[in-house]
Amino acid sequence: MDALEEKISKLPKWAQYHIQILERDLANAKTQIEQIGGAVAGGSSLISYETSSVQANLPDRSCVRFKLSDKRSVEVSLRIAGNKRYLRIYAGGGTLVLKPEISNVANITVVNHFTGEED
């Protein structure tokens, strides 16, 4: 038994149980990330997590949906036409609004078709 396991074994049973759940969830998440990355090695799209150094490729022509509210979403997908590649951005549940912030950054949101307001 290593030092960490020994410390955990001295904790109350409820804490040991909670640690077991967290360890299981971590192992499952790592497996899922490995499966995604291994299945599409060389894909053009990359999942990157702000809080981790882990990255995983998505297959070409994948779509990523960002849920902005219960009614609104933005879908981004990589499109390939011949030898050209471009991003397709789709507004779900409203009108797409692209607001330039600086020369190389823009903010994207979805507003109501009729009022032009965000929910």
PDB file of N, CA and C in Angstrom:
ATOM      1  N   MET A   1       0.861  -1.180   0.000  1.00  0.00           N
ATOM      2  CA  MET A   1       0.000   0.000   0.000  1.00  0.00           C
ATOM      3  C   MET A   1       0.904   1.239   0.000  1.00  0.00           C
ATOM      4  N   ASP A   2       0.652   2.160  -0.954  1.00  0.00           N
ATOM      5  CA  ASP A   2       1.473   3.371  -1.000  1.00  0.00           C
ATOM      6  C   ASP A   2       0.943   4.409  -0.010  1.00  0.00           C
ATOM      7  N   ALA A   3       1.657   5.518   0.104  1.00  0.00           N
ATOM      8  CA  ALA A   3       1.326   6.537   1.104  1.00  0.00           C
ATOM      9  C   ALA A   3      -0.067   7.132   0.875  1.00  0.00           C
ATOM     10  N   LEU A   4      -0.418   7.374  -0.375  1.00  0.00           N
ATOM     11  CA  LEU A   4      -1.732   7.957  -0.664  1.00  0.00           C
ATOM     12  C   LEU A   4      -2.855   6.991  -0.295  1.00  0.00           C
ATOM     13  N   GLU A   5      -2.707   5.729  -0.674  1.00  0.00           N
ATOM     14  CA  GLU A   5      -3.720   4.727  -0.331  1.00  0.00           C
ATOM     15  C   GLU A   5      -3.863   4.596   1.176  1.00  0.00           C
ATOM     16  N   GLU A   6      -2.750   4.697   1.878  1.00  0.00           N
ATOM     17  CA  GLU A   6      -2.788   4.605   3.343  1.00  0.00           C
ATOM     18  C   GLU A   6      -3.562   5.785   3.938  1.00  0.00           C
ATOM     19  N   LYS A   7      -3.318   6.989   3.414  1.00  0.00           N
ATOM     20  CA  LYS A   7      -4.047   8.162   3.891  1.00  0.00           C
ATOM     21  C   LYS A   7      -5.544   8.039   3.606  1.00  0.00           C
ATOM     22  N   ILE A   8      -5.867   7.540   2.410  1.00  0.00           N
ATOM     23  CA  ILE A   8      -7.277   7.384   2.041  1.00  0.00           C
ATOM     24  C   ILE A   8      -7.958   6.358   2.941  1.00  0.00           C
ATOM     25  N   SER A   9      -7.250   5.286   3.261  1.00  0.00           N
ATOM     26  CA  SER A   9      -7.845   4.239   4.106  1.00  0.00           C
ATOM     27  C   SER A   9      -8.164   4.737   5.520  1.00  0.00           C
ATOM     28  N   LYS A  10      -7.535   5.830   5.937  1.00  0.00           N
ATOM     29  CA  LYS A  10      -7.788   6.393   7.264  1.00  0.00           C
ATOM     30  C   LYS A  10      -8.955   7.383   7.265  1.00  0.00           C
ATOM     31  N   LEU A  11      -9.431   7.734   6.078  1.00  0.00           N
ATOM     32  CA  LEU A  11     -10.559   8.669   5.977  1.00  0.00           C
ATOM     33  C   LEU A  11     -11.869   7.976   6.335  1.00  0.00           C
ATOM     34  N   PRO A  12     -12.911   8.761   6.657  1.00  0.00           N
ATOM     35  CA  PRO A  12     -14.228   8.157   6.899  1.00  0.00           C
ATOM     36  C   PRO A  12     -14.713   7.418   5.650  1.00  0.00           C
ATOM     37  N   LYS A  13     -15.571   6.419   5.863  1.00  0.00           N
ATOM     38  CA  LYS A  13     -16.057   5.588   4.752  1.00  0.00           C
ATOM     39  C   LYS A  13     -16.737   6.431   3.668  1.00  0.00           C
ATOM     40  N   TRP A  14     -17.500   7.461   4.068  1.00  0.00           N
ATOM     41  CA  TRP A  14     -18.196   8.278   3.063  1.00  0.00           C
ATOM     42  C   TRP A  14     -17.185   8.986   2.160  1.00  0.00           C
ATOM     43  N   ALA A  15     -16.056   9.436   2.732  1.00  0.00           N
ATOM     44  CA  ALA A  15     -15.026  10.123   1.947  1.00  0.00           C
ATOM     45  C   ALA A  15     -14.314   9.126   1.020  1.00  0.00           C
ATOM     46  N   GLN A  16     -14.043   7.922   1.526  1.00  0.00           N
ATOM     47  CA  GLN A  16     -13.430   6.892   0.691  1.00  0.00           C
ATOM     48  C   GLN A  16     -14.330   6.558  -0.499  1.00  0.00           C
ATOM     49  N   TYR A  17     -15.635   6.458  -0.233  1.00  0.00           N
ATOM     50  CA  TYR A  17     -16.597   6.157  -1.291  1.00  0.00           C
ATOM     51  C   TYR A  17     -16.605   7.283  -2.332  1.00  0.00           C
ATOM     52  N   HIS A  18     -16.593   8.516  -1.875  1.00  0.00           N
ATOM     53  CA  HIS A  18     -16.596   9.674  -2.787  1.00  0.00           C
ATOM     54  C   HIS A  18     -15.321   9.682  -3.646  1.00  0.00           C
ATOM     55  N   ILE A  19     -14.197   9.380  -3.062  1.00  0.00           N
ATOM     56  CA  ILE A  19     -12.929   9.315  -3.806  1.00  0.00           C
ATOM     57  C   ILE A  19     -12.989   8.199  -4.843  1.00  0.00           C
ATOM     58  N   GLN A  20     -13.573   7.066  -4.493  1.00  0.00           N
ATOM     59  CA  GLN A  20     -13.717   5.969  -5.458  1.00  0.00           C
ATOM     60  C   GLN A  20     -14.543   6.401  -6.668  1.00  0.00           C
ATOM     61  N   ILE A  21     -15.621   7.123  -6.411  1.00  0.00           N
ATOM     62  CA  ILE A  21     -16.473   7.611  -7.505  1.00  0.00           C
ATOM     63  C   ILE A  21     -15.688   8.573  -8.392  1.00  0.00           C
ATOM     64  N   LEU A  22     -14.947   9.494  -7.781  1.00  0.00           N
ATOM     65  CA  LEU A  22     -14.156  10.449  -8.554  1.00  0.00           C
ATOM     66  C   LEU A  22     -13.076   9.746  -9.381  1.00  0.00           C
ATOM     67  N   GLU A  23     -12.420   8.761  -8.798  1.00  0.00           N
ATOM     68  CA  GLU A  23     -11.394   8.013  -9.531  1.00  0.00           C
ATOM     69  C   GLU A  23     -12.001   7.255 -10.705  1.00  0.00           C
ATOM     70  N   ARG A  24     -13.178   6.658 -10.492  1.00  0.00           N
ATOM     71  CA  ARG A  24     -13.858   5.940 -11.578  1.00  0.00           C
ATOM     72  C   ARG A  24     -14.254   6.892 -12.698  1.00  0.00           C
ATOM     73  N   ASP A  25     -14.829   8.056 -12.328  1.00  0.00           N
ATOM     74  CA  ASP A  25     -15.224   9.043 -13.329  1.00  0.00           C
ATOM     75  C   ASP A  25     -14.019   9.551 -14.118  1.00  0.00           C
ATOM     76  N   LEU A  26     -12.909   9.768 -13.442  1.00  0.00           N
ATOM     77  CA  LEU A  26     -11.685  10.205 -14.116  1.00  0.00           C
ATOM     78  C   LEU A  26     -11.198   9.146 -15.099  1.00  0.00           C
ATOM     79  N   ALA A  27     -11.193   7.897 -14.675  1.00  0.00           N
ATOM     80  CA  ALA A  27     -10.758   6.811 -15.557  1.00  0.00           C
ATOM     81  C   ALA A  27     -11.670   6.714 -16.779  1.00  0.00           C
ATOM     82  N   ASN A  28     -12.981   6.846 -16.582  1.00  0.00           N
ATOM     83  CA  ASN A  28     -13.924   6.796 -17.706  1.00  0.00           C
ATOM     84  C   ASN A  28     -13.688   7.953 -18.677  1.00  0.00           C
ATOM     85  N   ALA A  29     -13.461   9.157 -18.146  1.00  0.00           N
ATOM     86  CA  ALA A  29     -13.221  10.330 -18.994  1.00  0.00           C
ATOM     87  C   ALA A  29     -11.936  10.154 -19.803  1.00  0.00           C
ATOM     88  N   LYS A  30     -10.889   9.644 -19.169  1.00  0.00           N
ATOM     89  CA  LYS A  30      -9.625   9.411 -19.877  1.00  0.00           C
ATOM     90  C   LYS A  30      -9.818   8.390 -20.996  1.00  0.00           C
ATOM     91  N   THR A  31     -10.573   7.343 -20.721  1.00  0.00           N
ATOM     92  CA  THR A  31     -10.827   6.318 -21.736  1.00  0.00           C
ATOM     93  C   THR A  31     -11.588   6.901 -22.912  1.00  0.00           C
ATOM     94  N   GLN A  32     -12.614   7.704 -22.625  1.00  0.00           N
ATOM     95  CA  GLN A  32     -13.394   8.318 -23.699  1.00  0.00           C
ATOM     96  C   GLN A  32     -12.532   9.240 -24.545  1.00  0.00           C
ATOM     97  N   ILE A  33     -11.682  10.027 -23.919  1.00  0.00           N
ATOM     98  CA  ILE A  33     -10.805  10.937 -24.657  1.00  0.00           C
ATOM     99  C   ILE A  33      -9.830  10.150 -25.522  1.00  0.00           C
ATOM    100  N   GLU A  34      -9.278   9.072 -24.980  1.00  0.00           N
ATOM    101  CA  GLU A  34      -8.360   8.238 -25.756  1.00  0.00           C
ATOM    102  C   GLU A  34      -9.070   7.614 -26.950  1.00  0.00           C
ATOM    103  N   GLN A  35     -10.312   7.166 -26.758  1.00  0.00           N
ATOM    104  CA  GLN A  35     -11.069   6.559 -27.849  1.00  0.00           C
ATOM    105  C   GLN A  35     -11.357   7.570 -28.943  1.00  0.00           C
ATOM    106  N   ILE A  36     -11.735   8.782 -28.559  1.00  0.00           N
ATOM    107  CA  ILE A  36     -12.007   9.825 -29.552  1.00  0.00           C
ATOM    108  C   ILE A  36     -10.737  10.152 -30.311  1.00  0.00           C
ATOM    109  N   GLY A  37      -9.645  10.366 -29.598  1.00  0.00           N
ATOM    110  CA  GLY A  37      -8.388  10.731 -30.235  1.00  0.00           C
ATOM    111  C   GLY A  37      -7.834   9.614 -31.095  1.00  0.00           C
ATOM    112  N   GLY A  38      -7.919   8.377 -30.619  1.00  0.00           N
ATOM    113  CA  GLY A  38      -7.383   7.263 -31.375  1.00  0.00           C
ATOM    114  C   GLY A  38      -8.205   6.937 -32.609  1.00  0.00           C
ATOM    115  N   ALA A  39      -9.509   7.147 -32.547  1.00  0.00           N
ATOM    116  CA  ALA A  39     -10.374   6.767 -33.660  1.00  0.00           C
ATOM    117  C   ALA A  39     -10.238   7.704 -34.847  1.00  0.00           C
ATOM    118  N   VAL A  40      -9.763   8.917 -34.619  1.00  0.00           N
ATOM    119  CA  VAL A  40      -9.740   9.903 -35.702  1.00  0.00           C
ATOM    120  C   VAL A  40      -8.381  10.582 -35.810  1.00  0.00           C
ATOM    121  N   ALA A  41      -7.329   9.844 -35.611  1.00  0.00           N
ATOM    122  CA  ALA A  41      -5.999  10.445 -35.711  1.00  0.00           C
ATOM    123  C   ALA A  41      -5.860  11.171 -37.038  1.00  0.00           C
ATOM    124  N   GLY A  42      -5.411  12.399 -36.968  1.00  0.00           N
ATOM    125  CA  GLY A  42      -5.232  13.186 -38.176  1.00  0.00           C
ATOM    126  C   GLY A  42      -6.450  13.984 -38.579  1.00  0.00           C
ATOM    127  N   GLY A  43      -7.525  13.920 -37.803  1.00  0.00           N
ATOM    128  CA  GLY A  43      -8.706  14.714 -38.121  1.00  0.00           C
ATOM    129  C   GLY A  43      -8.372  16.199 -38.091  1.00  0.00           C
ATOM    130  N   SER A  44      -9.159  16.988 -38.789  1.00  0.00           N
ATOM    131  CA  SER A  44      -8.874  18.415 -38.916  1.00  0.00           C
ATOM    132  C   SER A  44      -9.327  19.231 -37.716  1.00  0.00           C
ATOM    133  N   SER A  45     -10.291  18.730 -36.962  1.00  0.00           N
ATOM    134  CA  SER A  45     -10.842  19.474 -35.830  1.00  0.00           C
ATOM    135  C   SER A  45     -10.270  18.916 -34.540  1.00  0.00           C
ATOM    136  N   LEU A  46     -10.048  19.783 -33.582  1.00  0.00           N
ATOM    137  CA  LEU A  46      -9.395  19.397 -32.344  1.00  0.00           C
ATOM    138  C   LEU A  46     -10.213  19.880 -31.160  1.00  0.00           C
ATOM    139  N   ILE A  47     -10.472  18.988 -30.213  1.00  0.00           N
ATOM    140  CA  ILE A  47     -11.108  19.367 -28.956  1.00  0.00           C
ATOM    141  C   ILE A  47      -9.986  19.723 -27.997  1.00  0.00           C
ATOM    142  N   SER A  48     -10.089  20.870 -27.375  1.00  0.00           N
ATOM    143  CA  SER A  48      -9.084  21.296 -26.416  1.00  0.00           C
ATOM    144  C   SER A  48      -9.805  21.776 -25.173  1.00  0.00           C
ATOM    145  N   TYR A  49      -9.381  21.320 -24.018  1.00  0.00           N
ATOM    146  CA  TYR A  49     -10.028  21.670 -22.762  1.00  0.00           C
ATOM    147  C   TYR A  49      -9.226  22.750 -22.061  1.00  0.00           C
ATOM    148  N   GLU A  50      -9.908  23.791 -21.629  1.00  0.00           N
ATOM    149  CA  GLU A  50      -9.239  24.930 -21.003  1.00  0.00           C
ATOM    150  C   GLU A  50      -8.485  24.517 -19.742  1.00  0.00           C
ATOM    151  N   THR A  51      -9.024  23.553 -19.007  1.00  0.00           N
ATOM    152  CA  THR A  51      -8.439  23.186 -17.722  1.00  0.00           C
ATOM    153  C   THR A  51      -7.502  21.988 -17.804  1.00  0.00           C
ATOM    154  N   SER A  52      -7.177  21.539 -19.029  1.00  0.00           N
ATOM    155  CA  SER A  52      -6.353  20.347 -19.166  1.00  0.00           C
ATOM    156  C   SER A  52      -5.457  20.468 -20.387  1.00  0.00           C
ATOM    157  N   SER A  53      -4.384  19.712 -20.384  1.00  0.00           N
ATOM    158  CA  SER A  53      -3.514  19.680 -21.551  1.00  0.00           C
ATOM    159  C   SER A  53      -3.966  18.598 -22.530  1.00  0.00           C
ATOM    160  N   VAL A  54      -5.036  17.877 -22.189  1.00  0.00           N
ATOM    161  CA  VAL A  54      -5.533  16.803 -23.039  1.00  0.00           C
ATOM    162  C   VAL A  54      -6.226  17.397 -24.261  1.00  0.00           C
ATOM    163  N   GLN A  55      -5.909  16.853 -25.433  1.00  0.00           N
ATOM    164  CA  GLN A  55      -6.552  17.265 -26.678  1.00  0.00           C
ATOM    165  C   GLN A  55      -6.942  16.015 -27.439  1.00  0.00           C
ATOM    166  N   ALA A  56      -8.011  16.119 -28.229  1.00  0.00           N
ATOM    167  CA  ALA A  56      -8.463  14.976 -29.018  1.00  0.00           C
ATOM    168  C   ALA A  56      -8.960  15.461 -30.370  1.00  0.00           C
ATOM    169  N   ASN A  57      -8.663  14.710 -31.415  1.00  0.00           N
ATOM    170  CA  ASN A  57      -9.119  15.056 -32.756  1.00  0.00           C
ATOM    171  C   ASN A  57     -10.556  14.619 -32.977  1.00  0.00           C
ATOM    172  N   LEU A  58     -11.269  15.371 -33.801  1.00  0.00           N
ATOM    173  CA  LEU A  58     -12.589  14.994 -34.273  1.00  0.00           C
ATOM    174  C   LEU A  58     -12.458  14.581 -35.728  1.00  0.00           C
ATOM    175  N   PRO A  59     -13.350  13.717 -36.220  1.00  0.00           N
ATOM    176  CA  PRO A  59     -13.276  13.359 -37.634  1.00  0.00           C
ATOM    177  C   PRO A  59     -13.608  14.559 -38.517  1.00  0.00           C
ATOM    178  N   ASP A  60     -13.102  14.547 -39.748  1.00  0.00           N
ATOM    179  CA  ASP A  60     -13.475  15.601 -40.696  1.00  0.00           C
ATOM    180  C   ASP A  60     -14.993  15.627 -40.833  1.00  0.00           C
ATOM    181  N   ARG A  61     -15.518  16.798 -41.114  1.00  0.00           N
ATOM    182  CA  ARG A  61     -16.957  17.040 -41.263  1.00  0.00           C
ATOM    183  C   ARG A  61     -17.719  16.875 -39.955  1.00  0.00           C
ATOM    184  N   SER A  62     -17.018  16.940 -38.819  1.00  0.00           N
ATOM    185  CA  SER A  62     -17.678  16.897 -37.516  1.00  0.00           C
ATOM    186  C   SER A  62     -18.392  18.207 -37.258  1.00  0.00           C
ATOM    187  N   CYS A  63     -19.351  18.157 -36.372  1.00  0.00           N
ATOM    188  CA  CYS A  63     -20.091  19.352 -35.977  1.00  0.00           C
ATOM    189  C   CYS A  63     -19.994  19.483 -34.468  1.00  0.00           C
ATOM    190  N   VAL A  64     -19.720  20.703 -34.001  1.00  0.00           N
ATOM    191  CA  VAL A  64     -19.684  20.975 -32.569  1.00  0.00           C
ATOM    192  C   VAL A  64     -20.797  21.958 -32.270  1.00  0.00           C
ATOM    193  N   ARG A  65     -21.658  21.614 -31.316  1.00  0.00           N
ATOM    194  CA  ARG A  65     -22.787  22.475 -30.958  1.00  0.00           C
ATOM    195  C   ARG A  65     -22.516  23.107 -29.602  1.00  0.00           C
ATOM    196  N   PHE A  66     -22.660  24.429 -29.557  1.00  0.00           N
ATOM    197  CA  PHE A  66     -22.535  25.184 -28.320  1.00  0.00           C
ATOM    198  C   PHE A  66     -23.931  25.638 -27.931  1.00  0.00           C
ATOM    199  N   LYS A  67     -24.400  25.204 -26.775  1.00  0.00           N
ATOM    200  CA  LYS A  67     -25.727  25.573 -26.309  1.00  0.00           C
ATOM    201  C   LYS A  67     -25.625  26.905 -25.573  1.00  0.00           C
ATOM    202  N   LEU A  68     -26.281  27.939 -26.128  1.00  0.00           N
ATOM    203  CA  LEU A  68     -26.234  29.268 -25.530  1.00  0.00           C
ATOM    204  C   LEU A  68     -27.357  29.473 -24.526  1.00  0.00           C
ATOM    205  N   SER A  69     -28.487  28.821 -24.748  1.00  0.00           N
ATOM    206  CA  SER A  69     -29.634  28.869 -23.841  1.00  0.00           C
ATOM    207  C   SER A  69     -30.505  27.669 -24.167  1.00  0.00           C
ATOM    208  N   ASP A  70     -31.657  27.559 -23.528  1.00  0.00           N
ATOM    209  CA  ASP A  70     -32.562  26.444 -23.821  1.00  0.00           C
ATOM    210  C   ASP A  70     -33.060  26.488 -25.260  1.00  0.00           C
ATOM    211  N   LYS A  71     -33.131  27.687 -25.845  1.00  0.00           N
ATOM    212  CA  LYS A  71     -33.695  27.860 -27.181  1.00  0.00           C
ATOM    213  C   LYS A  71     -32.645  28.123 -28.256  1.00  0.00           C
ATOM    214  N   ARG A  72     -31.451  28.504 -27.902  1.00  0.00           N
ATOM    215  CA  ARG A  72     -30.462  28.975 -28.874  1.00  0.00           C
ATOM    216  C   ARG A  72     -29.180  28.146 -28.810  1.00  0.00           C
ATOM    217  N   SER A  73     -28.608  27.929 -29.997  1.00  0.00           N
ATOM    218  CA  SER A  73     -27.336  27.226 -30.080  1.00  0.00           C
ATOM    219  C   SER A  73     -26.579  27.707 -31.311  1.00  0.00           C
ATOM    220  N   VAL A  74     -25.291  27.433 -31.319  1.00  0.00           N
ATOM    221  CA  VAL A  74     -24.448  27.708 -32.481  1.00  0.00           C
ATOM    222  C   VAL A  74     -23.751  26.398 -32.824  1.00  0.00           C
ATOM    223  N   GLU A  75     -23.822  26.011 -34.094  1.00  0.00           N
ATOM    224  CA  GLU A  75     -23.133  24.810 -34.563  1.00  0.00           C
ATOM    225  C   GLU A  75     -22.002  25.229 -35.487  1.00  0.00           C
ATOM    226  N   VAL A  76     -20.849  24.666 -35.259  1.00  0.00           N
ATOM    227  CA  VAL A  76     -19.679  24.962 -36.080  1.00  0.00           C
ATOM    228  C   VAL A  76     -19.182  23.647 -36.660  1.00  0.00           C
ATOM    229  N   SER A  77     -18.960  23.634 -37.965  1.00  0.00           N
ATOM    230  CA  SER A  77     -18.453  22.426 -38.603  1.00  0.00           C
ATOM    231  C   SER A  77     -17.432  22.804 -39.673  1.00  0.00           C
ATOM    232  N   LEU A  78     -16.511  21.908 -39.904  1.00  0.00           N
ATOM    233  CA  LEU A  78     -15.513  22.095 -40.948  1.00  0.00           C
ATOM    234  C   LEU A  78     -16.079  21.510 -42.232  1.00  0.00           C
ATOM    235  N   ARG A  79     -16.107  22.293 -43.283  1.00  0.00           N
ATOM    236  CA  ARG A  79     -16.602  21.838 -44.589  1.00  0.00           C
ATOM    237  C   ARG A  79     -15.431  21.741 -45.548  1.00  0.00           C
ATOM    238  N   ILE A  80     -15.482  20.755 -46.396  1.00  0.00           N
ATOM    239  CA  ILE A  80     -14.427  20.548 -47.382  1.00  0.00           C
ATOM    240  C   ILE A  80     -15.074  20.518 -48.761  1.00  0.00           C
ATOM    241  N   ALA A  81     -14.633  21.414 -49.640  1.00  0.00           N
ATOM    242  CA  ALA A  81     -15.122  21.471 -51.012  1.00  0.00           C
ATOM    243  C   ALA A  81     -13.907  21.400 -51.932  1.00  0.00           C
ATOM    244  N   GLY A  82     -13.681  20.234 -52.507  1.00  0.00           N
ATOM    245  CA  GLY A  82     -12.476  20.053 -53.322  1.00  0.00           C
ATOM    246  C   GLY A  82     -11.250  20.141 -52.432  1.00  0.00           C
ATOM    247  N   ASN A  83     -10.374  21.090 -52.740  1.00  0.00           N
ATOM    248  CA  ASN A  83      -9.185  21.270 -51.908  1.00  0.00           C
ATOM    249  C   ASN A  83      -9.318  22.470 -50.978  1.00  0.00           C
ATOM    250  N   LYS A  84     -10.528  23.034 -50.882  1.00  0.00           N
ATOM    251  CA  LYS A  84     -10.762  24.185 -50.006  1.00  0.00           C
ATOM    252  C   LYS A  84     -11.471  23.728 -48.731  1.00  0.00           C
ATOM    253  N   ARG A  85     -11.080  24.325 -47.625  1.00  0.00           N
ATOM    254  CA  ARG A  85     -11.696  24.037 -46.327  1.00  0.00           C
ATOM    255  C   ARG A  85     -12.217  25.334 -45.744  1.00  0.00           C
ATOM    256  N   TYR A  86     -13.389  25.279 -45.151  1.00  0.00           N
ATOM    257  CA  TYR A  86     -13.957  26.463 -44.517  1.00  0.00           C
ATOM    258  C   TYR A  86     -14.836  26.053 -43.344  1.00  0.00           C
ATOM    259  N   LEU A  87     -15.100  27.001 -42.454  1.00  0.00           N
ATOM    260  CA  LEU A  87     -15.987  26.763 -41.323  1.00  0.00           C
ATOM    261  C   LEU A  87     -17.405  27.147 -41.695  1.00  0.00           C
ATOM    262  N   ARG A  88     -18.335  26.291 -41.349  1.00  0.00           N
ATOM    263  CA  ARG A  88     -19.759  26.601 -41.510  1.00  0.00           C
ATOM    264  C   ARG A  88     -20.287  26.850 -40.114  1.00  0.00           C
ATOM    265  N   ILE A  89     -20.900  28.011 -39.917  1.00  0.00           N
ATOM    266  CA  ILE A  89     -21.458  28.377 -38.614  1.00  0.00           C
ATOM    267  C   ILE A  89     -22.964  28.505 -38.779  1.00  0.00           C
ATOM    268  N   TYR A  90     -23.708  27.740 -38.000  1.00  0.00           N
ATOM    269  CA  TYR A  90     -25.159  27.702 -38.103  1.00  0.00           C
ATOM    270  C   TYR A  90     -25.781  28.164 -36.791  1.00  0.00           C
ATOM    271  N   ALA A  91     -26.763  29.048 -36.884  1.00  0.00           N
ATOM    272  CA  ALA A  91     -27.485  29.526 -35.708  1.00  0.00           C
ATOM    273  C   ALA A  91     -28.743  28.689 -35.523  1.00  0.00           C
ATOM    274  N   GLY A  92     -28.831  27.992 -34.424  1.00  0.00           N
ATOM    275  CA  GLY A  92     -30.020  27.201 -34.118  1.00  0.00           C
ATOM    276  C   GLY A  92     -30.977  28.015 -33.273  1.00  0.00           C
ATOM    277  N   GLY A  93     -32.200  28.202 -33.769  1.00  0.00           N
ATOM    278  CA  GLY A  93     -33.232  28.873 -32.983  1.00  0.00           C
ATOM    279  C   GLY A  93     -33.200  30.383 -33.065  1.00  0.00           C
ATOM    280  N   GLY A  94     -32.568  30.959 -34.066  1.00  0.00           N
ATOM    281  CA  GLY A  94     -32.537  32.411 -34.177  1.00  0.00           C
ATOM    282  C   GLY A  94     -31.640  32.873 -35.305  1.00  0.00           C
ATOM    283  N   THR A  95     -31.274  34.135 -35.247  1.00  0.00           N
ATOM    284  CA  THR A  95     -30.426  34.750 -36.258  1.00  0.00           C
ATOM    285  C   THR A  95     -29.001  34.866 -35.728  1.00  0.00           C
ATOM    286  N   LEU A  96     -28.050  34.507 -36.545  1.00  0.00           N
ATOM    287  CA  LEU A  96     -26.644  34.571 -36.168  1.00  0.00           C
ATOM    288  C   LEU A  96     -26.169  36.020 -36.186  1.00  0.00           C
ATOM    289  N   VAL A  97     -25.497  36.434 -35.109  1.00  0.00           N
ATOM    290  CA  VAL A  97     -24.931  37.776 -35.025  1.00  0.00           C
ATOM    291  C   VAL A  97     -23.433  37.644 -34.780  1.00  0.00           C
ATOM    292  N   LEU A  98     -22.666  38.224 -35.675  1.00  0.00           N
ATOM    293  CA  LEU A  98     -21.217  38.202 -35.585  1.00  0.00           C
ATOM    294  C   LEU A  98     -20.753  39.609 -35.236  1.00  0.00           C
ATOM    295  N   LYS A  99     -20.126  39.755 -34.063  1.00  0.00           N
ATOM    296  CA  LYS A  99     -19.690  41.071 -33.579  1.00  0.00           C
ATOM    297  C   LYS A  99     -18.172  41.106 -33.513  1.00  0.00           C
ATOM    298  N   PRO A 100     -17.525  41.821 -34.449  1.00  0.00           N
ATOM    299  CA  PRO A 100     -16.064  41.921 -34.387  1.00  0.00           C
ATOM    300  C   PRO A 100     -15.609  42.588 -33.088  1.00  0.00           C
ATOM    301  N   GLU A 101     -14.571  42.025 -32.481  1.00  0.00           N
ATOM    302  CA  GLU A 101     -14.015  42.597 -31.258  1.00  0.00           C
ATOM    303  C   GLU A 101     -12.719  43.331 -31.582  1.00  0.00           C
ATOM    304  N   ILE A 102     -11.794  42.631 -32.213  1.00  0.00           N
ATOM    305  CA  ILE A 102     -10.565  43.222 -32.730  1.00  0.00           C
ATOM    306  C   ILE A 102     -10.293  42.564 -34.075  1.00  0.00           C
ATOM    307  N   SER A 103      -9.179  42.862 -34.707  1.00  0.00           N
ATOM    308  CA  SER A 103      -8.949  42.399 -36.078  1.00  0.00           C
ATOM    309  C   SER A 103      -8.965  40.885 -36.244  1.00  0.00           C
ATOM    310  N   ASN A 104      -8.629  40.119 -35.206  1.00  0.00           N
ATOM    311  CA  ASN A 104      -8.602  38.670 -35.355  1.00  0.00           C
ATOM    312  C   ASN A 104      -9.514  37.936 -34.378  1.00  0.00           C
ATOM    313  N   VAL A 105     -10.487  38.637 -33.787  1.00  0.00           N
ATOM    314  CA  VAL A 105     -11.422  38.025 -32.843  1.00  0.00           C
ATOM    315  C   VAL A 105     -12.818  38.560 -33.102  1.00  0.00           C
ATOM    316  N   ALA A 106     -13.798  37.654 -33.101  1.00  0.00           N
ATOM    317  CA  ALA A 106     -15.198  38.057 -33.230  1.00  0.00           C
ATOM    318  C   ALA A 106     -16.021  37.269 -32.221  1.00  0.00           C
ATOM    319  N   ASN A 107     -17.080  37.866 -31.713  1.00  0.00           N
ATOM    320  CA  ASN A 107     -18.006  37.195 -30.814  1.00  0.00           C
ATOM    321  C   ASN A 107     -19.232  36.791 -31.611  1.00  0.00           C
ATOM    322  N   ILE A 108     -19.719  35.584 -31.361  1.00  0.00           N
ATOM    323  CA  ILE A 108     -20.876  35.071 -32.086  1.00  0.00           C
ATOM    324  C   ILE A 108     -21.991  34.804 -31.084  1.00  0.00           C
ATOM    325  N   THR A 109     -23.189  35.234 -31.417  1.00  0.00           N
ATOM    326  CA  THR A 109     -24.357  34.952 -30.594  1.00  0.00           C
ATOM    327  C   THR A 109     -25.552  34.708 -31.500  1.00  0.00           C
ATOM    328  N   VAL A 110     -26.646  34.301 -30.917  1.00  0.00           N
ATOM    329  CA  VAL A 110     -27.880  34.052 -31.658  1.00  0.00           C
ATOM    330  C   VAL A 110     -28.976  34.879 -31.006  1.00  0.00           C
ATOM    331  N   VAL A 111     -29.723  35.605 -31.832  1.00  0.00           N
ATOM    332  CA  VAL A 111     -30.803  36.456 -31.326  1.00  0.00           C
ATOM    333  C   VAL A 111     -32.129  36.022 -31.925  1.00  0.00           C
ATOM    334  N   ASN A 112     -33.205  36.508 -31.351  1.00  0.00           N
ATOM    335  CA  ASN A 112     -34.553  36.233 -31.833  1.00  0.00           C
ATOM    336  C   ASN A 112     -34.710  36.743 -33.260  1.00  0.00           C
ATOM    337  N   HIS A 113     -35.323  35.946 -34.136  1.00  0.00           N
ATOM    338  CA  HIS A 113     -35.510  36.325 -35.541  1.00  0.00           C
ATOM    339  C   HIS A 113     -36.272  37.644 -35.678  1.00  0.00           C
ATOM    340  N   PHE A 114     -37.239  37.864 -34.814  1.00  0.00           N
ATOM    341  CA  PHE A 114     -38.152  38.990 -34.994  1.00  0.00           C
ATOM    342  C   PHE A 114     -37.760  40.231 -34.207  1.00  0.00           C
ATOM    343  N   THR A 115     -37.288  40.042 -32.970  1.00  0.00           N
ATOM    344  CA  THR A 115     -36.984  41.208 -32.140  1.00  0.00           C
ATOM    345  C   THR A 115     -35.509  41.612 -32.184  1.00  0.00           C
ATOM    346  N   GLY A 116     -34.639  40.682 -32.578  1.00  0.00           N
ATOM    347  CA  GLY A 116     -33.219  40.982 -32.593  1.00  0.00           C
ATOM    348  C   GLY A 116     -32.592  40.978 -31.223  1.00  0.00           C
ATOM    349  N   GLU A 117     -33.321  40.486 -30.213  1.00  0.00           N
ATOM    350  CA  GLU A 117     -32.818  40.469 -28.843  1.00  0.00           C
ATOM    351  C   GLU A 117     -32.384  39.069 -28.434  1.00  0.00           C
ATOM    352  N   GLU A 118     -31.401  39.015 -27.530  1.00  0.00           N
ATOM    353  CA  GLU A 118     -30.977  37.745 -26.968  1.00  0.00           C
ATOM    354  C   GLU A 118     -31.959  37.354 -25.884  1.00  0.00           C
ATOM    355  N   ASP A 119     -32.066  36.054 -25.616  1.00  0.00           N
ATOM    356  CA  ASP A 119     -32.922  35.590 -24.530  1.00  0.00           C
ATOM    357  C   ASP A 119     -32.262  35.788 -23.184  1.00  0.00           C
TER     358      ASP A 119
END
